[in-house]
Amino acid sequence: MDSKKYFFLARTEEQLNCDAAALLLYLSSFCSSLEEGPALLSVGTINKIAHLRKKLSLSVREFLPLIHTYSDTLTDIDCRRALVFALDGNIHGITSLCEGRVPTWSN
């Protein structure tokens, strides 16, 4: 499924006040768009993820294991790293990760 479909489903769940389901679908949208290419990452998706994480009071330790990819090219760890970079505004980190040059990161 492409990132736009995940985003649409997530937005629908969020409108129904199903925040946990919405967060999981926004995470799927993020990982899917990451596989499609870093240029397709949506600031809106990243902001929704940050907002729902705070709303659900999830720590980073609780939050990162929720991220799973269905990609043949990216691992769960890649998506987790990319999301940490995205939430920190580190576009270079995301681009480097997608180009195969994995930058260092702290947890």
C-alpha atoms as a PDB file:
ATOM      1  CA  MET A   1       0.000   0.000   0.000  1.00  0.00           C
ATOM      2  CA  ASP A   2       1.355   3.448  -0.775  1.00  0.00           C
ATOM      3  CA  SER A   3       1.944   6.169   1.792  1.00  0.00           C
ATOM      4  CA  LYS A   4      -1.062   8.259   0.723  1.00  0.00           C
ATOM      5  CA  LYS A   5      -3.466   5.403   1.425  1.00  0.00           C
ATOM      6  CA  TYR A   6      -1.962   4.847   4.871  1.00  0.00           C
ATOM      7  CA  PHE A   7      -2.219   8.597   5.545  1.00  0.00           C
ATOM      8  CA  PHE A   8      -5.882   8.681   4.491  1.00  0.00           C
ATOM      9  CA  LEU A   9      -6.697   5.721   6.749  1.00  0.00           C
ATOM     10  CA  ALA A  10      -4.756   7.310   9.619  1.00  0.00           C
ATOM     11  CA  ARG A  11      -6.587  10.597   9.258  1.00  0.00           C
ATOM     12  CA  THR A  12      -9.916   8.751   9.285  1.00  0.00           C
ATOM     13  CA  GLU A  13      -8.973   6.898  12.480  1.00  0.00           C
ATOM     14  CA  GLU A  14      -7.834  10.151  14.070  1.00  0.00           C
ATOM     15  CA  GLN A  15     -11.153  11.830  13.218  1.00  0.00           C
ATOM     16  CA  LEU A  16     -12.906   8.921  14.948  1.00  0.00           C
ATOM     17  CA  ASN A  17     -10.729   9.541  18.055  1.00  0.00           C
ATOM     18  CA  CYS A  18      -8.911   6.231  17.604  1.00  0.00           C
ATOM     19  CA  ASP A  19      -5.532   7.777  18.324  1.00  0.00           C
ATOM     20  CA  ALA A  20      -3.562   4.553  18.789  1.00  0.00           C
ATOM     21  CA  ALA A  21      -4.780   3.149  15.463  1.00  0.00           C
ATOM     22  CA  ALA A  22      -4.116   6.496  13.789  1.00  0.00           C
ATOM     23  CA  LEU A  23      -0.550   6.561  15.121  1.00  0.00           C
ATOM     24  CA  LEU A  24       0.193   3.081  13.781  1.00  0.00           C
ATOM     25  CA  LEU A  25      -1.158   4.032  10.363  1.00  0.00           C
ATOM     26  CA  TYR A  26       0.812   7.310  10.304  1.00  0.00           C
ATOM     27  CA  LEU A  27       3.918   5.266  11.125  1.00  0.00           C
ATOM     28  CA  SER A  28       3.116   2.961   8.201  1.00  0.00           C
ATOM     29  CA  SER A  29       2.667   6.016   5.984  1.00  0.00           C
ATOM     30  CA  PHE A  30       6.049   7.345   7.111  1.00  0.00           C
ATOM     31  CA  CYS A  31       7.879   4.065   6.436  1.00  0.00           C
ATOM     32  CA  SER A  32       6.142   3.635   3.094  1.00  0.00           C
ATOM     33  CA  SER A  33       7.030   7.155   1.956  1.00  0.00           C
ATOM     34  CA  LEU A  34      10.606   6.623   3.133  1.00  0.00           C
ATOM     35  CA  GLU A  35      10.861   3.620   0.829  1.00  0.00           C
ATOM     36  CA  GLU A  36       9.396   5.685  -2.020  1.00  0.00           C
ATOM     37  CA  GLY A  37      12.197   8.219  -1.475  1.00  0.00           C
ATOM     38  CA  PRO A  38      13.101  10.858   1.100  1.00  0.00           C
ATOM     39  CA  ALA A  39      11.727  13.614  -1.140  1.00  0.00           C
ATOM     40  CA  LEU A  40       8.257  12.143  -0.612  1.00  0.00           C
ATOM     41  CA  LEU A  41       8.362  12.401   3.181  1.00  0.00           C
ATOM     42  CA  SER A  42       5.505  14.531   4.445  1.00  0.00           C
ATOM     43  CA  VAL A  43       6.035  17.130   7.140  1.00  0.00           C
ATOM     44  CA  GLY A  44       2.345  16.666   7.911  1.00  0.00           C
ATOM     45  CA  THR A  45       2.858  12.975   8.629  1.00  0.00           C
ATOM     46  CA  ILE A  46       5.863  13.689  10.829  1.00  0.00           C
ATOM     47  CA  ASN A  47       3.923  16.346  12.759  1.00  0.00           C
ATOM     48  CA  LYS A  48       0.944  14.006  13.207  1.00  0.00           C
ATOM     49  CA  ILE A  49       3.251  11.296  14.567  1.00  0.00           C
ATOM     50  CA  ALA A  50       4.865  13.728  17.022  1.00  0.00           C
ATOM     51  CA  HIS A  51       1.474  15.050  18.140  1.00  0.00           C
ATOM     52  CA  LEU A  52      -0.069  11.613  18.695  1.00  0.00           C
ATOM     53  CA  ARG A  53       3.020  10.297  20.474  1.00  0.00           C
ATOM     54  CA  LYS A  54       2.719  13.158  22.949  1.00  0.00           C
ATOM     55  CA  LYS A  55      -1.061  12.816  23.213  1.00  0.00           C
ATOM     56  CA  LEU A  56      -0.718   9.108  24.002  1.00  0.00           C
ATOM     57  CA  SER A  57       2.137   9.869  26.450  1.00  0.00           C
ATOM     58  CA  LEU A  58       4.517   7.406  24.818  1.00  0.00           C
ATOM     59  CA  SER A  59       8.188   7.635  25.677  1.00  0.00           C
ATOM     60  CA  VAL A  60      10.751   7.074  22.946  1.00  0.00           C
ATOM     61  CA  ARG A  61      11.468   3.659  24.462  1.00  0.00           C
ATOM     62  CA  GLU A  62       7.777   2.715  24.179  1.00  0.00           C
ATOM     63  CA  PHE A  63       7.323   4.381  20.827  1.00  0.00           C
ATOM     64  CA  LEU A  64      10.180   3.120  18.635  1.00  0.00           C
ATOM     65  CA  PRO A  65       9.243  -0.596  18.804  1.00  0.00           C
ATOM     66  CA  LEU A  66       5.887   0.290  17.196  1.00  0.00           C
ATOM     67  CA  ILE A  67       7.654   1.128  13.942  1.00  0.00           C
ATOM     68  CA  HIS A  68       7.622  -1.724  11.432  1.00  0.00           C
ATOM     69  CA  THR A  69       8.255  -1.688   7.724  1.00  0.00           C
ATOM     70  CA  TYR A  70       6.955  -4.013   5.053  1.00  0.00           C
ATOM     71  CA  SER A  71       9.821  -3.037   2.782  1.00  0.00           C
ATOM     72  CA  ASP A  72      12.236  -5.293   0.974  1.00  0.00           C
ATOM     73  CA  THR A  73      14.919  -2.602   1.074  1.00  0.00           C
ATOM     74  CA  LEU A  74      14.566  -0.927   4.480  1.00  0.00           C
ATOM     75  CA  THR A  75      14.665  -2.565   7.884  1.00  0.00           C
ATOM     76  CA  ASP A  76      12.663  -1.636  10.963  1.00  0.00           C
ATOM     77  CA  ILE A  77      15.875  -0.105  12.355  1.00  0.00           C
ATOM     78  CA  ASP A  78      16.246   2.036   9.209  1.00  0.00           C
ATOM     79  CA  CYS A  79      12.699   3.365   9.616  1.00  0.00           C
ATOM     80  CA  ARG A  80      13.248   3.999  13.325  1.00  0.00           C
ATOM     81  CA  ARG A  81      16.453   5.909  12.626  1.00  0.00           C
ATOM     82  CA  ALA A  82      14.799   7.909   9.878  1.00  0.00           C
ATOM     83  CA  LEU A  83      11.907   8.831  12.161  1.00  0.00           C
ATOM     84  CA  VAL A  84      14.270   9.963  14.915  1.00  0.00           C
ATOM     85  CA  PHE A  85      16.095  12.080  12.321  1.00  0.00           C
ATOM     86  CA  ALA A  86      12.783  13.442  10.997  1.00  0.00           C
ATOM     87  CA  LEU A  87      11.487  14.368  14.441  1.00  0.00           C
ATOM     88  CA  ASP A  88      14.793  16.161  15.084  1.00  0.00           C
ATOM     89  CA  GLY A  89      14.612  17.926  11.706  1.00  0.00           C
ATOM     90  CA  ASN A  90      17.765  16.155  10.473  1.00  0.00           C
ATOM     91  CA  ILE A  91      17.076  15.924   6.733  1.00  0.00           C
ATOM     92  CA  HIS A  92      20.745  15.102   6.020  1.00  0.00           C
ATOM     93  CA  GLY A  93      20.458  12.046   8.281  1.00  0.00           C
ATOM     94  CA  ILE A  94      17.418  10.784   6.386  1.00  0.00           C
ATOM     95  CA  THR A  95      19.007  11.383   2.990  1.00  0.00           C
ATOM     96  CA  SER A  96      22.234   9.664   4.045  1.00  0.00           C
ATOM     97  CA  LEU A  97      20.321   6.701   5.403  1.00  0.00           C
ATOM     98  CA  CYS A  98      18.379   6.311   2.147  1.00  0.00           C
ATOM     99  CA  GLU A  99      21.594   6.528   0.139  1.00  0.00           C
ATOM    100  CA  GLY A 100      23.147   3.751   2.200  1.00  0.00           C
ATOM    101  CA  ARG A 101      25.483   5.919   4.256  1.00  0.00           C
ATOM    102  CA  VAL A 102      24.168   5.283   7.730  1.00  0.00           C
ATOM    103  CA  PRO A 103      25.002   8.250   9.972  1.00  0.00           C
ATOM    104  CA  THR A 104      25.558   7.828  13.667  1.00  0.00           C
ATOM    105  CA  TRP A 105      22.689   8.588  15.977  1.00  0.00           C
ATOM    106  CA  SER A 106      21.994   8.588  19.658  1.00  0.00           C
ATOM    107  CA  ASN A 107      18.981   7.037  21.277  1.00  0.00           C
END
